[in-house]
Each structure stands twice: as structure tokens, then as C-alpha cells.
Amino acid sequence: MQADFADLAARWVAALPAALVHATISASHVVRLRANDVPWQATGVHLKAGQAYSLFASGRVQWSPRDPSLYGGPRQHLCARIVPGGRVVNPTCDTGSFVADVDGELELGIYMGLWKNALGDLSTPESLYHRLTGGIAVLAIAWCGDAAKALATLDGRTLQPALIGRELARLHSPRAPPVDWDYLLETGSAGIFSDAFGPLGEPTIAVHACDDQGIVCAPVDCELNPRTRLSWRWRVSECPSHLAEDRAQTHDYISIAAEFDNGRDLTWIWSSQLAPETHFHCPVHAWTARETHWVVRSGRERLGQWCAEERNVHADVLAAMGTPAARIVRVWLIAVSSFQHGTARAEFADIVLSDGSQNLRVL
């Protein structure tokens, strides 16, 4: 599929009328990214700050040589940046459009592990790439003007499988993250979280992830002491796993988390199988030292119903992670459904942190 798409994309560009190319396309290039190549790869596409560009991709990154069901596509792995000095961006599906943040050359890469910073330096070992197979083919186009206008001009000239039309539709109906929340750099942007309203008109955050993943974060500043508590309500309508989530192959889940000033985080999950009060370190290798999970609710009995929770954060950290940090610096909402390629669906409301002397309403 990767090779087929690369050839198709190259022929599609070559067949465009010269006058149409001159009016809409500043530069284009087809790049074949091998899964086991550490980022980054040059494209030869040069952009000016403020210039629009789009990516159209196809392919698959296989995570395990033994289990063909463990894989991710462009939305999980494809990243881009402008060098020198540009920030990492990623498409939220097989297509994406962006605006160059600096003058420079567009680079593309396969992401595996964790970023050290927003410029795209890895903090995890390059050895994580060694076991990957497959790859992603990408058509990168720099536009002469607005991306949506250019795409509308080209929409009748179908790039299979209808990627031009799909990207145009996505631009016309963008799904912004919830107000005052941002996607975590290490997991990239996604189109799965959005503002919503509960049955009484109260503000909520909804998540709907189909073979996808994402983490949104809200900054906070709360002392972590023996009286610190986190309360929230949630309605989980669809659990993304029917198996215990403490293995990497089945680590699909929905949770809320607290991030601490030592860089670690504790997430409280609704498990499909594990007993409440079970806790375990994240089974995904790159996250094991950073993240710990605590089962706060389990099973299917109350799926689709609003449930209220309250946790003593200090006590849970002490039991599951050891000596607590000093402060809570962010609250996270997490949904993962990409390991078993299922669906996660939930809503969150009334998120409140208390340190015993003040209440901090997060949502």
C-alpha cells in the first residue's frame, strides 16, 4: 500500500495541468518513510513562515514482528516540522494542513517513543525503532495561497482514496480541543476531545476515539499534601478494551490523571476487567517510568451512567508510586483505543482539585 500510494501520488501530481499547478502549488514531493528510520527526513520542500502546506499519507507501521494486529497508521506516527527552529506538528488522520511557523525546509518523520521538546528531539532510545517494520508514504504540497481554496480547486481531480475531498471536509469542520485544554506534546494532536454539555446544560468534555488516542491537559497549581483530593463525574459509554488493560497489547483505556512537578503522573481508569484499587505501572515501555494507573471503577454494569468519584491523591501516590511530589501541575484526560483498534466513548464533568484550604475547579 505504501509503494502503491507513493506511485499514485507522484503520477497524480505529474498529470495536473501546468496552469493549475502554477496557480495553486508552490512545491510538492512524495516521501517514502521506512518505519525503522529514526526521524527526520528532508523533503526538499521549502516554505516561508505563514505559508500553508498539506500532507496526504498512506501506510502502516507494524509494532511487533509476531503480532500483525499491533500497528498504527499516519495519525499515530506521522510528524512534520520546518527546520531550522520549527515546532512538531502531526495530522489527526491520513491528511493534515498546517501553516509554517518559520522559514525553512519541511522534514517528515515516523514518531515512536517520546519527544524531548517541541522541536522534535527524541528523549527515548533510538532502539525503539529497530523492531518496527512497514512504513508510510506521504505527498507533501506547499500551497501558493490558502490551503482550503487550493484544495477546492483540486477537489474534482481525485487523489484516491478521496484524500483531497476528505482534507477539504476536515478543514471546513475542524474539531478544536476543549477551551483551556491542550493536547499533550508527547501524544500529539487528535480530533477526539471536544466541549459538550450535560443533561442539565452543565459544561462537559466529550471524547470519541475510534482506533485513535490522545491526551488533553489543563494547567493547575495545587499543593500535594495528605488532604489533597481530586473529584469528578464521568459517563463512560464504551470501554475500548474487553480485556485487562495491564498488558501493552491490550492497553486501551479511558482515564483522568494528575501530573506532578517531578514529571510523573497517576491516572485513574475505568477498567473492563481489573478489580477496583488495582494499580500498575504503564505497560508501554516508553511510559513505564513515567506513568502509573489506578483502577477506580471496573466492569460494564454502570456503562452509560453518570458516576461520581473522589480520590485522596496523596494516599494513592504514596501507595502506588512512592514518595509524593510537591505539587500537581496539570490535569489530564486520556483515551486510548489504538492497540485493539476499537472505540472509546465518554464524558467528563465537575473536575475539582482541593488541597484542604482551597478548591480549584478544573472543569
Protein backbone atom coordinates (compact mmCIF):
# COMPACT_ATOMS: atom_id res chain seq x y z
CA MET A 1 0.00 0.00 0.00
CA GLN A 2 2.83 2.39 0.83
CA ALA A 3 4.55 1.88 -2.52
CA ASP A 4 1.23 1.94 -4.42
CA PHE A 5 0.23 5.25 -2.84
CA ALA A 6 3.64 6.81 -3.48
CA ASP A 7 3.45 5.93 -7.16
CA LEU A 8 -0.17 7.03 -7.41
CA ALA A 9 0.55 10.36 -5.74
CA ALA A 10 3.55 11.06 -7.98
CA ARG A 11 1.51 10.29 -11.12
CA TRP A 12 -1.39 12.42 -9.85
CA VAL A 13 0.82 15.48 -9.42
CA ALA A 14 2.52 14.90 -12.76
CA ALA A 15 -0.86 14.76 -14.54
CA LEU A 16 -2.10 18.11 -13.23
CA PRO A 17 -2.29 20.85 -15.89
CA ALA A 18 0.69 23.18 -15.76
CA ALA A 19 -1.51 26.28 -15.44
CA LEU A 20 -3.33 24.74 -12.45
CA VAL A 21 -0.06 23.79 -10.76
CA HIS A 22 1.32 27.30 -11.32
CA ALA A 23 -1.76 28.86 -9.73
CA THR A 24 -2.08 26.59 -6.69
CA ILE A 25 1.09 24.63 -5.88
CA SER A 26 4.37 26.18 -4.81
CA ALA A 27 6.19 22.87 -4.39
CA SER A 28 5.42 19.17 -3.90
CA HIS A 29 7.29 15.98 -3.14
CA VAL A 30 6.50 12.34 -2.42
CA VAL A 31 8.43 10.89 0.53
CA ARG A 32 8.68 7.22 1.49
CA LEU A 33 9.30 6.85 5.22
CA ARG A 34 10.54 3.48 6.43
CA ALA A 35 9.23 2.61 9.87
CA ASN A 36 12.65 1.80 11.34
CA ASP A 37 14.28 5.06 10.22
CA VAL A 38 14.79 7.50 13.09
CA PRO A 39 13.37 10.95 12.29
CA TRP A 40 13.96 13.18 10.43
CA GLN A 41 13.90 13.01 6.58
CA ALA A 42 14.26 16.05 4.32
CA THR A 43 11.61 16.65 1.65
CA GLY A 44 13.19 19.38 -0.47
CA VAL A 45 10.01 21.43 0.06
CA HIS A 46 10.91 24.91 1.27
CA LEU A 47 8.38 27.20 2.93
CA LYS A 48 8.11 30.74 4.21
CA ALA A 49 6.68 31.48 7.64
CA GLY A 50 2.92 31.79 7.23
CA GLN A 51 2.79 29.60 4.12
CA ALA A 52 0.21 26.79 4.07
CA TYR A 53 1.07 23.19 3.30
CA SER A 54 -0.76 19.85 3.37
CA LEU A 55 0.18 16.22 3.90
CA PHE A 56 -1.58 13.21 2.35
CA ALA A 57 -0.44 9.85 3.65
CA SER A 58 -0.98 6.12 3.47
CA GLY A 59 0.72 3.17 5.09
CA ARG A 60 1.17 1.21 8.29
CA VAL A 61 3.82 0.90 10.96
CA GLN A 62 3.98 -2.63 12.43
CA TRP A 63 5.00 -2.60 16.10
CA SER A 64 5.60 -6.34 16.51
CA PRO A 65 7.08 -8.93 14.14
CA ARG A 66 4.97 -11.60 15.88
CA ASP A 67 1.54 -9.97 16.12
CA PRO A 68 0.15 -8.43 12.90
CA SER A 69 -2.71 -6.79 14.81
CA LEU A 70 -0.30 -4.38 16.51
CA TYR A 71 0.13 -1.43 14.15
CA GLY A 72 -0.56 2.24 13.66
CA GLY A 73 -1.15 4.48 10.68
CA PRO A 74 -0.34 8.10 9.82
CA ARG A 75 -2.48 9.51 12.63
CA GLN A 76 -0.36 7.67 15.21
CA HIS A 77 3.08 8.03 13.65
CA LEU A 78 3.47 10.75 11.02
CA CYS A 79 5.05 14.02 12.20
CA ALA A 80 6.35 17.12 10.44
CA ARG A 81 8.44 20.18 11.24
CA ILE A 82 10.10 23.09 9.47
CA VAL A 83 13.85 23.40 10.05
CA PRO A 84 15.57 25.17 11.50
CA GLY A 85 13.55 26.07 14.56
CA GLY A 86 10.00 24.86 13.77
CA ARG A 87 7.70 23.02 16.16
CA VAL A 88 6.49 19.45 15.64
CA VAL A 89 3.02 19.02 14.17
CA ASN A 90 1.03 15.93 13.25
CA PRO A 91 -2.06 15.14 11.17
CA THR A 92 -5.07 13.85 13.08
CA CYS A 93 -5.97 11.41 10.31
CA ASP A 94 -4.48 10.41 6.93
CA THR A 95 -4.42 14.07 5.90
CA GLY A 96 -3.49 17.35 7.54
CA SER A 97 -2.94 21.01 6.68
CA PHE A 98 -0.66 23.38 8.54
CA VAL A 99 0.93 26.82 8.37
CA ALA A 100 4.73 27.07 8.51
CA ASP A 101 5.84 28.68 11.77
CA VAL A 102 9.33 29.56 10.47
CA ASP A 103 11.19 29.87 7.18
CA GLY A 104 12.88 26.63 6.23
CA GLU A 105 12.65 23.11 4.80
CA LEU A 106 9.85 20.69 5.58
CA GLU A 107 11.01 17.49 7.27
CA LEU A 108 8.94 14.38 7.91
CA GLY A 109 9.43 11.53 10.34
CA ILE A 110 7.98 8.43 11.95
CA TYR A 111 7.34 9.06 15.65
CA MET A 112 7.98 6.28 18.16
CA GLY A 113 8.66 6.92 21.84
CA LEU A 114 8.59 10.37 23.46
CA TRP A 115 9.72 13.81 22.39
CA LYS A 116 12.25 15.66 24.49
CA ASN A 117 10.96 19.03 23.32
CA ALA A 118 8.59 20.71 20.88
CA LEU A 119 11.33 20.90 18.23
CA GLY A 120 11.25 17.14 17.65
CA ASP A 121 14.28 15.82 19.52
CA LEU A 122 13.73 12.33 20.94
CA SER A 123 14.04 11.66 24.66
CA THR A 124 13.63 7.88 24.29
CA PRO A 125 16.23 5.49 22.81
CA GLU A 126 16.52 5.13 19.06
CA SER A 127 16.48 1.37 19.67
CA LEU A 128 12.66 1.57 19.87
CA TYR A 129 12.72 1.88 16.08
CA HIS A 130 14.71 -1.30 15.49
CA ARG A 131 11.77 -3.69 15.74
CA LEU A 132 9.41 -1.63 13.54
CA THR A 133 8.52 -2.72 10.02
CA GLY A 134 6.41 -1.22 7.25
CA GLY A 135 6.28 2.46 6.52
CA ILE A 136 4.27 5.49 5.42
CA ALA A 137 4.24 7.25 2.06
CA VAL A 138 3.49 10.97 2.12
CA LEU A 139 2.61 13.51 -0.54
CA ALA A 140 3.66 16.94 0.77
CA ILE A 141 2.30 20.02 -1.03
CA ALA A 142 3.20 23.64 -0.32
CA TRP A 143 0.40 25.94 -1.50
CA CYS A 144 0.59 29.31 -3.21
CA GLY A 145 -2.20 30.63 -1.00
CA ASP A 146 -4.92 29.39 1.34
CA ALA A 147 -4.99 25.59 1.72
CA ALA A 148 -8.79 25.27 1.63
CA LYS A 149 -9.09 27.36 -1.54
CA ALA A 150 -6.37 25.35 -3.24
CA LEU A 151 -7.96 22.06 -2.21
CA ALA A 152 -11.34 23.22 -3.50
CA THR A 153 -9.71 23.96 -6.87
CA LEU A 154 -8.24 20.44 -7.00
CA ASP A 155 -11.19 18.58 -5.46
CA GLY A 156 -12.54 17.31 -8.77
CA ARG A 157 -9.18 15.73 -9.55
CA THR A 158 -9.48 12.85 -7.10
CA LEU A 159 -6.40 11.56 -5.33
CA GLN A 160 -7.54 8.13 -4.22
CA PRO A 161 -8.84 7.25 -1.78
CA ALA A 162 -10.54 10.68 -1.98
CA LEU A 163 -7.89 12.32 0.17
CA ILE A 164 -8.35 15.80 -1.32
CA GLY A 165 -12.07 15.85 -0.55
CA ARG A 166 -11.55 14.39 2.91
CA GLU A 167 -8.99 17.04 3.84
CA LEU A 168 -11.22 19.79 2.48
CA ALA A 169 -14.12 18.48 4.61
CA ARG A 170 -11.88 18.33 7.67
CA LEU A 171 -10.80 21.95 7.18
CA HIS A 172 -14.42 23.06 6.87
CA SER A 173 -15.39 21.23 10.09
CA PRO A 174 -12.35 21.39 12.40
CA ARG A 175 -12.59 19.77 15.84
CA ALA A 176 -10.78 22.07 18.23
CA PRO A 177 -9.64 20.86 21.66
CA PRO A 178 -11.78 21.89 24.64
CA VAL A 179 -11.41 25.52 25.70
CA ASP A 180 -8.44 26.00 28.08
CA TRP A 181 -7.17 22.46 27.33
CA ASP A 182 -4.30 21.49 25.02
CA TYR A 183 -3.10 18.20 23.60
CA LEU A 184 -0.04 16.75 25.29
CA LEU A 185 3.08 17.20 23.14
CA GLU A 186 4.19 13.60 23.60
CA THR A 187 0.97 12.13 22.22
CA GLY A 188 0.32 14.79 19.59
CA SER A 189 -2.86 16.43 18.40
CA ALA A 190 -6.00 14.41 17.81
CA GLY A 191 -9.59 15.13 16.90
CA ILE A 192 -11.14 13.11 19.71
CA PHE A 193 -11.88 15.57 22.57
CA SER A 194 -14.42 18.40 22.37
CA ASP A 195 -16.53 20.71 24.51
CA ALA A 196 -20.02 19.42 25.22
CA PHE A 197 -22.95 19.86 27.62
CA GLY A 198 -24.53 17.55 30.17
CA PRO A 199 -28.24 16.81 30.73
CA LEU A 200 -28.71 19.99 32.79
CA GLY A 201 -26.70 22.18 30.44
CA GLU A 202 -23.54 21.94 32.52
CA PRO A 203 -20.21 22.09 30.64
CA THR A 204 -18.61 18.73 29.94
CA ILE A 205 -15.79 17.36 27.82
CA ALA A 206 -16.68 14.54 25.45
CA VAL A 207 -14.27 12.04 23.93
CA HIS A 208 -14.89 9.74 20.99
CA ALA A 209 -11.84 7.82 19.79
CA CYS A 210 -12.10 5.23 17.02
CA ASP A 211 -8.76 3.43 16.64
CA ASP A 212 -7.15 6.58 17.99
CA GLN A 213 -5.52 8.06 21.05
CA GLY A 214 -4.98 11.41 22.72
CA ILE A 215 -4.39 13.29 25.95
CA VAL A 216 -5.68 16.79 26.69
CA CYS A 217 -4.23 18.77 29.59
CA ALA A 218 -5.26 21.74 31.71
CA PRO A 219 -2.59 23.58 33.74
CA VAL A 220 -3.13 23.78 37.51
CA ASP A 221 -1.10 24.71 40.57
CA CYS A 222 -2.16 22.67 43.58
CA GLU A 223 -0.20 21.54 46.62
CA LEU A 224 0.04 17.78 47.01
CA ASN A 225 -0.45 17.07 50.71
CA PRO A 226 -2.34 14.43 52.75
CA ARG A 227 -5.58 16.40 52.32
CA THR A 228 -5.36 16.81 48.52
CA ARG A 229 -8.34 15.31 46.76
CA LEU A 230 -9.50 15.03 43.16
CA SER A 231 -13.20 14.68 42.41
CA TRP A 232 -15.01 14.32 39.11
CA ARG A 233 -18.01 12.85 37.36
CA TRP A 234 -17.83 10.73 34.25
CA ARG A 235 -20.07 8.75 31.98
CA VAL A 236 -18.25 6.02 30.10
CA SER A 237 -20.45 4.77 27.29
CA GLU A 238 -17.98 2.47 25.55
CA CYS A 239 -14.86 0.88 27.00
CA PRO A 240 -12.17 0.44 24.35
CA SER A 241 -10.97 -2.90 25.76
CA HIS A 242 -12.75 -6.08 26.80
CA LEU A 243 -9.50 -7.43 28.26
CA ALA A 244 -7.35 -6.41 31.22
CA GLU A 245 -5.50 -3.22 30.37
CA ASP A 246 -2.23 -4.04 32.17
CA ARG A 247 -0.56 -5.54 29.07
CA ALA A 248 0.86 -3.47 26.22
CA GLN A 249 -1.19 -5.39 23.65
CA THR A 250 -4.48 -4.54 25.42
CA HIS A 251 -3.66 -1.13 26.88
CA ASP A 252 -6.76 0.67 25.63
CA TYR A 253 -8.50 2.71 28.32
CA ILE A 254 -10.24 5.91 29.45
CA SER A 255 -8.93 7.84 32.45
CA ILE A 256 -8.31 11.10 34.27
CA ALA A 257 -4.81 11.88 35.54
CA ALA A 258 -2.78 14.21 37.70
CA GLU A 259 0.68 15.25 36.53
CA PHE A 260 3.19 16.19 39.24
CA ASP A 261 6.12 18.57 39.36
CA ASN A 262 8.56 15.64 39.21
CA GLY A 263 7.37 14.78 35.68
CA ARG A 264 5.39 11.68 36.68
CA ASP A 265 1.63 11.15 36.53
CA LEU A 266 -1.04 8.96 38.12
CA THR A 267 -4.14 8.06 36.10
CA TRP A 268 -7.43 6.72 37.47
CA ILE A 269 -9.01 4.37 34.93
CA TRP A 270 -12.33 2.65 34.33
CA SER A 271 -11.20 -0.91 33.67
CA SER A 272 -13.13 -3.58 31.84
CA GLN A 273 -11.70 -6.45 33.91
CA LEU A 274 -9.28 -5.38 36.66
CA ALA A 275 -10.59 -5.08 40.20
CA PRO A 276 -11.01 -1.62 41.75
CA GLU A 277 -7.95 -0.45 43.73
CA THR A 278 -5.61 -2.42 41.47
CA HIS A 279 -2.64 -0.34 40.39
CA PHE A 280 0.18 -0.95 37.92
CA HIS A 281 2.89 0.92 36.03
CA CYS A 282 2.16 1.66 32.40
CA PRO A 283 2.96 -1.44 30.32
CA VAL A 284 4.07 0.66 27.31
CA HIS A 285 7.86 0.67 27.58
CA ALA A 286 8.43 4.37 26.88
CA TRP A 287 5.90 5.32 29.60
CA THR A 288 6.70 2.76 32.32
CA ALA A 289 8.88 5.02 34.45
CA ARG A 290 6.59 8.00 33.99
CA GLU A 291 3.01 6.80 34.36
CA THR A 292 1.10 4.68 36.88
CA HIS A 293 -2.50 3.53 36.58
CA TRP A 294 -5.04 3.05 39.38
CA VAL A 295 -8.33 1.25 38.76
CA VAL A 296 -11.13 3.28 40.29
CA ARG A 297 -14.08 1.55 38.64
CA SER A 298 -14.49 -1.74 36.76
CA GLY A 299 -16.89 -3.69 34.60
CA ARG A 300 -19.85 -2.89 32.38
CA GLU A 301 -22.65 -2.60 34.92
CA ARG A 302 -22.74 1.20 35.00
CA LEU A 303 -21.68 1.96 31.45
CA GLY A 304 -23.73 4.83 30.07
CA GLN A 305 -24.50 6.22 33.55
CA TRP A 306 -23.00 9.26 35.27
CA CYS A 307 -20.76 8.19 38.16
CA ALA A 308 -19.18 10.44 40.79
CA GLU A 309 -15.63 9.76 42.04
CA GLU A 310 -13.33 11.23 44.67
CA ARG A 311 -9.73 10.22 45.40
CA ASN A 312 -7.19 11.18 48.01
CA VAL A 313 -4.36 11.90 45.59
CA HIS A 314 -1.60 11.88 48.19
CA ALA A 315 -2.64 8.49 49.56
CA ASP A 316 -2.92 6.94 46.09
CA VAL A 317 0.50 8.28 45.05
CA LEU A 318 2.08 7.02 48.27
CA ALA A 319 0.61 3.54 47.76
CA ALA A 320 1.29 3.20 44.03
CA MET A 321 4.32 5.37 43.30
CA GLY A 322 6.28 6.00 46.50
CA THR A 323 7.26 9.36 47.94
CA PRO A 324 4.81 12.01 46.62
CA ALA A 325 5.92 15.06 44.68
CA ALA A 326 5.28 18.56 45.99
CA ARG A 327 2.65 19.86 43.58
CA ILE A 328 0.12 18.92 40.91
CA VAL A 329 0.87 20.91 37.74
CA ARG A 330 -1.65 19.58 35.20
CA VAL A 331 -4.82 17.51 34.98
CA TRP A 332 -5.09 15.14 32.02
CA LEU A 333 -7.97 13.40 30.26
CA ILE A 334 -6.87 10.29 28.38
CA ALA A 335 -8.43 7.99 25.80
CA VAL A 336 -6.60 5.18 24.00
CA SER A 337 -8.21 2.77 21.55
CA SER A 338 -5.36 2.19 19.10
CA PHE A 339 -3.92 -1.08 20.41
CA GLN A 340 -7.00 -3.19 19.69
CA HIS A 341 -8.43 -0.75 17.12
CA GLY A 342 -11.70 -0.30 18.99
CA THR A 343 -13.76 2.64 20.23
CA ALA A 344 -13.60 4.73 23.40
CA ARG A 345 -16.51 7.00 24.26
CA ALA A 346 -17.04 9.02 27.44
CA GLU A 347 -17.86 12.40 29.00
CA PHE A 348 -16.23 14.20 31.95
CA ALA A 349 -17.70 16.89 34.22
CA ASP A 350 -17.22 18.68 37.56
CA ILE A 351 -13.46 18.15 37.87
CA VAL A 352 -12.32 19.75 41.15
CA LEU A 353 -8.97 19.71 42.98
CA SER A 354 -8.80 20.51 46.69
CA ASP A 355 -5.70 20.82 48.88
CA GLY A 356 -7.62 21.24 52.11
CA SER A 357 -7.56 25.04 52.09
CA GLN A 358 -8.89 25.83 48.60
CA ASN A 359 -10.96 24.26 45.87
CA LEU A 360 -9.74 24.58 42.29
CA ARG A 361 -12.40 23.95 39.63
CA VAL A 362 -10.74 22.49 36.53
CA LEU A 363 -13.99 21.83 34.64
